[in-house]
Amino acid sequence: MRELGSSQPTAVELEILRILWELGPSPVRTVHARLTEVKGTNYSTTVKMLSVMLIKGLVKRDEDATPQIYRAALTRERAAKKFLSELIEKVYDGSAMSLVLQALSSGKASQEEIEEARKLLDEMEDKS
């Protein structure tokens, strides 16, 4: 179980972030309706999850609005960079290339993705 201060979201928290990134700032009922479609959670669980995410700094809440409106604290892009950096540091000892090689060797990369990786590597090589 993750500690409350962990910046890495749990699976449910990540799903809530995806909902907020897609819909934008939303009241609990809207988040809950979407989350129920995916996870089948009850309303009190959604409220509790948003409360925990607020403490963790994953979401922000507009206290002046009625009902209260929640929004993601980071954009999808900034969150991806942050979480990926932490993953590279913790799992791959700071080696981004180890992560890339692991991802490509998993066999799940499409031909288009492999070509994109080649293009990126060529561009990086040209810069050095």
N, C-alpha and C. Protein backbone atom coordinates (compact mmCIF):
# COMPACT_ATOMS: atom_id res chain seq x y z
N MET A 1 0.84 -1.18 0.00
CA MET A 1 0.00 0.00 0.00
C MET A 1 0.88 1.25 0.00
N ARG A 2 0.52 2.24 -0.81
CA ARG A 2 1.31 3.46 -0.90
C ARG A 2 1.07 4.33 0.33
N GLU A 3 2.12 5.05 0.72
CA GLU A 3 1.96 5.99 1.82
C GLU A 3 1.18 7.20 1.33
N LEU A 4 0.53 7.87 2.22
CA LEU A 4 -0.32 9.00 1.86
C LEU A 4 0.47 10.10 1.17
N GLY A 5 1.72 10.29 1.55
CA GLY A 5 2.54 11.34 0.97
C GLY A 5 3.13 11.00 -0.38
N SER A 6 2.92 9.79 -0.88
CA SER A 6 3.48 9.38 -2.16
C SER A 6 2.88 10.20 -3.28
N SER A 7 3.74 10.61 -4.22
CA SER A 7 3.24 11.40 -5.35
C SER A 7 2.71 10.50 -6.46
N GLN A 8 3.02 9.23 -6.40
CA GLN A 8 2.53 8.31 -7.42
C GLN A 8 1.07 7.96 -7.14
N PRO A 9 0.23 8.15 -8.14
CA PRO A 9 -1.19 7.83 -7.93
C PRO A 9 -1.45 6.32 -7.96
N THR A 10 -2.43 5.89 -7.19
CA THR A 10 -2.88 4.50 -7.26
C THR A 10 -3.65 4.33 -8.58
N ALA A 11 -4.06 3.11 -8.88
CA ALA A 11 -4.80 2.85 -10.12
C ALA A 11 -6.11 3.65 -10.17
N VAL A 12 -6.83 3.71 -9.06
CA VAL A 12 -8.09 4.45 -9.02
C VAL A 12 -7.83 5.95 -9.12
N GLU A 13 -6.80 6.43 -8.44
CA GLU A 13 -6.46 7.85 -8.52
C GLU A 13 -6.08 8.23 -9.96
N LEU A 14 -5.36 7.36 -10.62
CA LEU A 14 -4.99 7.61 -12.01
C LEU A 14 -6.23 7.66 -12.90
N GLU A 15 -7.18 6.80 -12.62
CA GLU A 15 -8.43 6.82 -13.38
C GLU A 15 -9.18 8.14 -13.16
N ILE A 16 -9.18 8.63 -11.93
CA ILE A 16 -9.82 9.92 -11.63
C ILE A 16 -9.09 11.04 -12.36
N LEU A 17 -7.76 11.00 -12.36
CA LEU A 17 -7.00 12.01 -13.09
C LEU A 17 -7.34 11.97 -14.58
N ARG A 18 -7.45 10.78 -15.15
CA ARG A 18 -7.81 10.66 -16.56
C ARG A 18 -9.18 11.31 -16.83
N ILE A 19 -10.10 11.09 -15.92
CA ILE A 19 -11.44 11.69 -16.05
C ILE A 19 -11.34 13.21 -16.03
N LEU A 20 -10.57 13.74 -15.07
CA LEU A 20 -10.44 15.20 -14.96
C LEU A 20 -9.68 15.78 -16.15
N TRP A 21 -8.69 15.06 -16.67
CA TRP A 21 -7.98 15.55 -17.85
C TRP A 21 -8.91 15.58 -19.06
N GLU A 22 -9.79 14.61 -19.14
CA GLU A 22 -10.71 14.54 -20.27
C GLU A 22 -11.82 15.58 -20.16
N LEU A 23 -12.43 15.68 -18.97
CA LEU A 23 -13.60 16.55 -18.79
C LEU A 23 -13.25 17.97 -18.38
N GLY A 24 -12.09 18.15 -17.77
CA GLY A 24 -11.75 19.44 -17.18
C GLY A 24 -12.33 19.52 -15.78
N PRO A 25 -12.26 20.69 -15.16
CA PRO A 25 -12.78 20.85 -13.79
C PRO A 25 -14.22 20.34 -13.69
N SER A 26 -14.46 19.51 -12.65
CA SER A 26 -15.76 18.84 -12.54
C SER A 26 -16.18 18.67 -11.08
N PRO A 27 -17.50 18.65 -10.83
CA PRO A 27 -17.99 18.35 -9.48
C PRO A 27 -17.87 16.84 -9.19
N VAL A 28 -17.94 16.49 -7.93
CA VAL A 28 -17.81 15.09 -7.52
C VAL A 28 -18.80 14.19 -8.26
N ARG A 29 -20.04 14.62 -8.40
CA ARG A 29 -21.06 13.78 -9.05
C ARG A 29 -20.67 13.41 -10.48
N THR A 30 -20.08 14.34 -11.20
CA THR A 30 -19.66 14.06 -12.58
C THR A 30 -18.51 13.06 -12.59
N VAL A 31 -17.54 13.28 -11.69
CA VAL A 31 -16.40 12.36 -11.59
C VAL A 31 -16.92 10.97 -11.20
N HIS A 32 -17.82 10.94 -10.23
CA HIS A 32 -18.36 9.67 -9.76
C HIS A 32 -19.11 8.92 -10.87
N ALA A 33 -19.91 9.64 -11.63
CA ALA A 33 -20.66 9.00 -12.72
C ALA A 33 -19.71 8.32 -13.70
N ARG A 34 -18.63 8.99 -14.06
CA ARG A 34 -17.66 8.42 -14.98
C ARG A 34 -16.90 7.26 -14.34
N LEU A 35 -16.51 7.43 -13.08
CA LEU A 35 -15.74 6.40 -12.38
C LEU A 35 -16.57 5.13 -12.20
N THR A 36 -17.86 5.29 -11.96
CA THR A 36 -18.76 4.15 -11.80
C THR A 36 -18.81 3.31 -13.06
N GLU A 37 -18.76 3.96 -14.22
CA GLU A 37 -18.76 3.23 -15.49
C GLU A 37 -17.56 2.29 -15.60
N VAL A 38 -16.43 2.72 -15.05
CA VAL A 38 -15.18 1.95 -15.16
C VAL A 38 -14.96 1.02 -13.98
N LYS A 39 -15.17 1.53 -12.77
CA LYS A 39 -14.80 0.80 -11.56
C LYS A 39 -15.97 0.32 -10.72
N GLY A 40 -17.15 0.88 -10.92
CA GLY A 40 -18.29 0.47 -10.12
C GLY A 40 -18.19 0.87 -8.66
N THR A 41 -17.58 2.02 -8.38
CA THR A 41 -17.41 2.48 -7.00
C THR A 41 -18.69 3.15 -6.49
N ASN A 42 -18.80 3.25 -5.15
CA ASN A 42 -19.94 3.98 -4.61
C ASN A 42 -19.54 5.44 -4.38
N TYR A 43 -20.51 6.29 -4.19
CA TYR A 43 -20.29 7.73 -4.10
C TYR A 43 -19.32 8.10 -2.98
N SER A 44 -19.49 7.50 -1.81
CA SER A 44 -18.62 7.84 -0.67
C SER A 44 -17.15 7.49 -0.95
N THR A 45 -16.92 6.44 -1.74
CA THR A 45 -15.55 6.08 -2.11
C THR A 45 -14.95 7.15 -3.02
N THR A 46 -15.75 7.65 -3.95
CA THR A 46 -15.27 8.70 -4.85
C THR A 46 -14.92 9.96 -4.05
N VAL A 47 -15.77 10.34 -3.11
CA VAL A 47 -15.51 11.50 -2.27
C VAL A 47 -14.22 11.30 -1.48
N LYS A 48 -14.05 10.13 -0.89
CA LYS A 48 -12.85 9.82 -0.10
C LYS A 48 -11.60 9.85 -0.97
N MET A 49 -11.69 9.28 -2.17
CA MET A 49 -10.53 9.26 -3.07
C MET A 49 -10.13 10.69 -3.45
N LEU A 50 -11.09 11.54 -3.77
CA LEU A 50 -10.77 12.93 -4.10
C LEU A 50 -10.17 13.66 -2.91
N SER A 51 -10.64 13.34 -1.70
CA SER A 51 -10.08 13.94 -0.49
C SER A 51 -8.62 13.54 -0.30
N VAL A 52 -8.33 12.27 -0.48
CA VAL A 52 -6.95 11.78 -0.37
C VAL A 52 -6.08 12.41 -1.46
N MET A 53 -6.62 12.49 -2.67
CA MET A 53 -5.87 13.08 -3.78
C MET A 53 -5.59 14.57 -3.54
N LEU A 54 -6.50 15.25 -2.87
CA LEU A 54 -6.30 16.65 -2.51
C LEU A 54 -5.12 16.77 -1.54
N ILE A 55 -5.08 15.90 -0.55
CA ILE A 55 -3.98 15.89 0.42
C ILE A 55 -2.65 15.58 -0.26
N LYS A 56 -2.68 14.65 -1.21
CA LYS A 56 -1.46 14.25 -1.93
C LYS A 56 -1.01 15.29 -2.96
N GLY A 57 -1.87 16.27 -3.21
CA GLY A 57 -1.52 17.30 -4.19
C GLY A 57 -1.78 16.89 -5.63
N LEU A 58 -2.57 15.84 -5.83
CA LEU A 58 -2.87 15.38 -7.19
C LEU A 58 -4.02 16.16 -7.82
N VAL A 59 -4.91 16.70 -6.96
CA VAL A 59 -6.03 17.52 -7.45
C VAL A 59 -6.10 18.80 -6.63
N LYS A 60 -6.82 19.76 -7.18
CA LYS A 60 -7.12 21.00 -6.47
C LYS A 60 -8.63 21.15 -6.43
N ARG A 61 -9.11 21.88 -5.43
CA ARG A 61 -10.55 22.04 -5.25
C ARG A 61 -10.90 23.52 -5.17
N ASP A 62 -11.93 23.91 -5.89
CA ASP A 62 -12.43 25.28 -5.83
C ASP A 62 -13.41 25.35 -4.66
N GLU A 63 -12.96 25.95 -3.58
CA GLU A 63 -13.75 26.02 -2.34
C GLU A 63 -14.94 26.97 -2.47
N ASP A 64 -14.87 27.91 -3.39
CA ASP A 64 -15.92 28.91 -3.53
C ASP A 64 -17.11 28.43 -4.34
N ALA A 65 -16.89 27.41 -5.16
CA ALA A 65 -17.97 26.91 -6.02
C ALA A 65 -18.90 26.00 -5.23
N THR A 66 -20.18 25.99 -5.62
CA THR A 66 -21.14 25.07 -5.05
C THR A 66 -21.87 24.39 -6.18
N PRO A 67 -21.75 23.09 -6.34
CA PRO A 67 -20.92 22.17 -5.55
C PRO A 67 -19.44 22.41 -5.84
N GLN A 68 -18.60 21.91 -4.93
CA GLN A 68 -17.16 22.08 -5.09
C GLN A 68 -16.69 21.42 -6.38
N ILE A 69 -15.77 22.09 -7.03
CA ILE A 69 -15.23 21.64 -8.31
C ILE A 69 -13.79 21.17 -8.10
N TYR A 70 -13.48 20.00 -8.64
CA TYR A 70 -12.13 19.45 -8.57
C TYR A 70 -11.49 19.53 -9.95
N ARG A 71 -10.18 19.73 -9.95
CA ARG A 71 -9.42 19.70 -11.19
C ARG A 71 -8.07 19.05 -10.93
N ALA A 72 -7.49 18.50 -11.97
CA ALA A 72 -6.16 17.89 -11.84
C ALA A 72 -5.15 18.98 -11.50
N ALA A 73 -4.23 18.68 -10.61
CA ALA A 73 -3.21 19.65 -10.21
C ALA A 73 -2.15 19.83 -11.30
N LEU A 74 -1.96 18.81 -12.12
CA LEU A 74 -0.98 18.85 -13.20
C LEU A 74 -1.65 18.49 -14.52
N THR A 75 -1.12 19.00 -15.61
CA THR A 75 -1.59 18.56 -16.92
C THR A 75 -1.16 17.12 -17.11
N ARG A 76 -1.79 16.45 -18.05
CA ARG A 76 -1.42 15.07 -18.36
C ARG A 76 0.07 14.98 -18.74
N GLU A 77 0.53 15.94 -19.53
CA GLU A 77 1.92 15.93 -19.99
C GLU A 77 2.91 16.12 -18.84
N ARG A 78 2.63 17.08 -17.96
CA ARG A 78 3.53 17.31 -16.82
C ARG A 78 3.51 16.13 -15.87
N ALA A 79 2.34 15.55 -15.65
CA ALA A 79 2.25 14.38 -14.77
C ALA A 79 3.02 13.20 -15.37
N ALA A 80 2.87 12.99 -16.67
CA ALA A 80 3.58 11.88 -17.33
C ALA A 80 5.09 12.05 -17.18
N LYS A 81 5.59 13.25 -17.41
CA LYS A 81 7.03 13.50 -17.27
C LYS A 81 7.50 13.26 -15.84
N LYS A 82 6.72 13.75 -14.89
CA LYS A 82 7.09 13.60 -13.47
C LYS A 82 7.11 12.13 -13.07
N PHE A 83 6.04 11.40 -13.38
CA PHE A 83 5.95 10.00 -12.97
C PHE A 83 6.97 9.14 -13.71
N LEU A 84 7.21 9.46 -14.98
CA LEU A 84 8.20 8.71 -15.75
C LEU A 84 9.60 8.95 -15.20
N SER A 85 9.90 10.19 -14.83
CA SER A 85 11.21 10.49 -14.24
C SER A 85 11.41 9.71 -12.95
N GLU A 86 10.36 9.65 -12.12
CA GLU A 86 10.46 8.88 -10.87
C GLU A 86 10.65 7.40 -11.15
N LEU A 87 9.94 6.87 -12.14
CA LEU A 87 10.08 5.46 -12.52
C LEU A 87 11.50 5.17 -12.99
N ILE A 88 12.02 6.01 -13.86
CA ILE A 88 13.38 5.82 -14.38
C ILE A 88 14.38 5.83 -13.23
N GLU A 89 14.21 6.76 -12.32
CA GLU A 89 15.13 6.87 -11.18
C GLU A 89 15.05 5.65 -10.27
N LYS A 90 13.84 5.25 -9.91
CA LYS A 90 13.65 4.18 -8.93
C LYS A 90 13.87 2.78 -9.49
N VAL A 91 13.42 2.54 -10.70
CA VAL A 91 13.46 1.17 -11.25
C VAL A 91 14.66 0.93 -12.16
N TYR A 92 15.05 1.96 -12.91
CA TYR A 92 16.10 1.78 -13.91
C TYR A 92 17.38 2.52 -13.55
N ASP A 93 17.56 2.83 -12.27
CA ASP A 93 18.77 3.50 -11.77
C ASP A 93 19.15 4.73 -12.58
N GLY A 94 18.15 5.47 -13.02
CA GLY A 94 18.38 6.71 -13.74
C GLY A 94 18.64 6.56 -15.22
N SER A 95 18.57 5.33 -15.74
CA SER A 95 18.87 5.10 -17.15
C SER A 95 17.59 5.07 -17.98
N ALA A 96 17.35 6.16 -18.70
CA ALA A 96 16.18 6.23 -19.58
C ALA A 96 16.29 5.19 -20.69
N MET A 97 17.50 4.94 -21.16
CA MET A 97 17.69 3.97 -22.23
C MET A 97 17.27 2.57 -21.78
N SER A 98 17.54 2.22 -20.53
CA SER A 98 17.11 0.91 -20.02
C SER A 98 15.60 0.78 -20.09
N LEU A 99 14.90 1.86 -19.75
CA LEU A 99 13.44 1.86 -19.84
C LEU A 99 12.99 1.68 -21.28
N VAL A 100 13.60 2.43 -22.20
CA VAL A 100 13.24 2.34 -23.62
C VAL A 100 13.48 0.93 -24.15
N LEU A 101 14.64 0.37 -23.83
CA LEU A 101 14.96 -0.99 -24.30
C LEU A 101 13.98 -2.01 -23.74
N GLN A 102 13.63 -1.87 -22.47
CA GLN A 102 12.66 -2.77 -21.84
C GLN A 102 11.31 -2.65 -22.54
N ALA A 103 10.89 -1.42 -22.78
CA ALA A 103 9.59 -1.20 -23.43
C ALA A 103 9.57 -1.78 -24.83
N LEU A 104 10.63 -1.56 -25.60
CA LEU A 104 10.67 -2.06 -26.98
C LEU A 104 10.79 -3.58 -27.03
N SER A 105 11.52 -4.15 -26.08
CA SER A 105 11.71 -5.60 -26.09
C SER A 105 10.49 -6.36 -25.58
N SER A 106 9.51 -5.65 -25.05
CA SER A 106 8.30 -6.30 -24.56
C SER A 106 7.48 -6.88 -25.71
N GLY A 107 7.79 -6.46 -26.93
CA GLY A 107 7.08 -6.98 -28.10
C GLY A 107 5.76 -6.30 -28.35
N LYS A 108 5.44 -5.27 -27.59
CA LYS A 108 4.16 -4.60 -27.74
C LYS A 108 4.25 -3.35 -28.60
N ALA A 109 5.44 -3.01 -29.07
CA ALA A 109 5.61 -1.83 -29.91
C ALA A 109 5.20 -2.15 -31.34
N SER A 110 4.39 -1.26 -31.91
CA SER A 110 3.99 -1.44 -33.31
C SER A 110 5.15 -1.04 -34.23
N GLN A 111 5.06 -1.41 -35.48
CA GLN A 111 6.08 -1.03 -36.44
C GLN A 111 6.18 0.49 -36.53
N GLU A 112 5.05 1.15 -36.46
CA GLU A 112 5.02 2.62 -36.49
C GLU A 112 5.77 3.21 -35.30
N GLU A 113 5.58 2.63 -34.12
CA GLU A 113 6.27 3.11 -32.92
C GLU A 113 7.77 2.86 -33.01
N ILE A 114 8.16 1.72 -33.57
CA ILE A 114 9.58 1.42 -33.74
C ILE A 114 10.22 2.41 -34.69
N GLU A 115 9.53 2.73 -35.79
CA GLU A 115 10.04 3.71 -36.74
C GLU A 115 10.16 5.09 -36.09
N GLU A 116 9.19 5.44 -35.25
CA GLU A 116 9.23 6.71 -34.52
C GLU A 116 10.44 6.75 -33.60
N ALA A 117 10.73 5.63 -32.92
CA ALA A 117 11.90 5.55 -32.03
C ALA A 117 13.18 5.69 -32.83
N ARG A 118 13.25 5.06 -34.00
CA ARG A 118 14.43 5.19 -34.87
C ARG A 118 14.65 6.64 -35.28
N LYS A 119 13.56 7.29 -35.65
CA LYS A 119 13.62 8.70 -36.07
C LYS A 119 14.15 9.56 -34.93
N LEU A 120 13.62 9.33 -33.73
CA LEU A 120 14.06 10.10 -32.57
C LEU A 120 15.54 9.87 -32.29
N LEU A 121 15.97 8.61 -32.36
CA LEU A 121 17.39 8.29 -32.14
C LEU A 121 18.27 8.96 -33.19
N ASP A 122 17.82 8.96 -34.42
CA ASP A 122 18.59 9.63 -35.51
C ASP A 122 18.72 11.12 -35.24
N GLU A 123 17.61 11.74 -34.80
CA GLU A 123 17.64 13.17 -34.48
C GLU A 123 18.59 13.46 -33.33
N MET A 124 18.56 12.59 -32.31
CA MET A 124 19.45 12.76 -31.17
C MET A 124 20.90 12.60 -31.58
N GLU A 125 21.16 11.65 -32.46
CA GLU A 125 22.51 11.41 -32.94
C GLU A 125 23.03 12.60 -33.75
N ASP A 126 22.16 13.20 -34.56
CA ASP A 126 22.54 14.36 -35.37
C ASP A 126 22.91 15.57 -34.49
N LYS A 127 22.28 15.69 -33.33
CA LYS A 127 22.55 16.81 -32.43
C LYS A 127 23.90 16.68 -31.73
N SER A 128 24.41 15.46 -31.60
CA SER A 128 25.67 15.29 -30.86
C SER A 128 26.87 15.30 -31.75
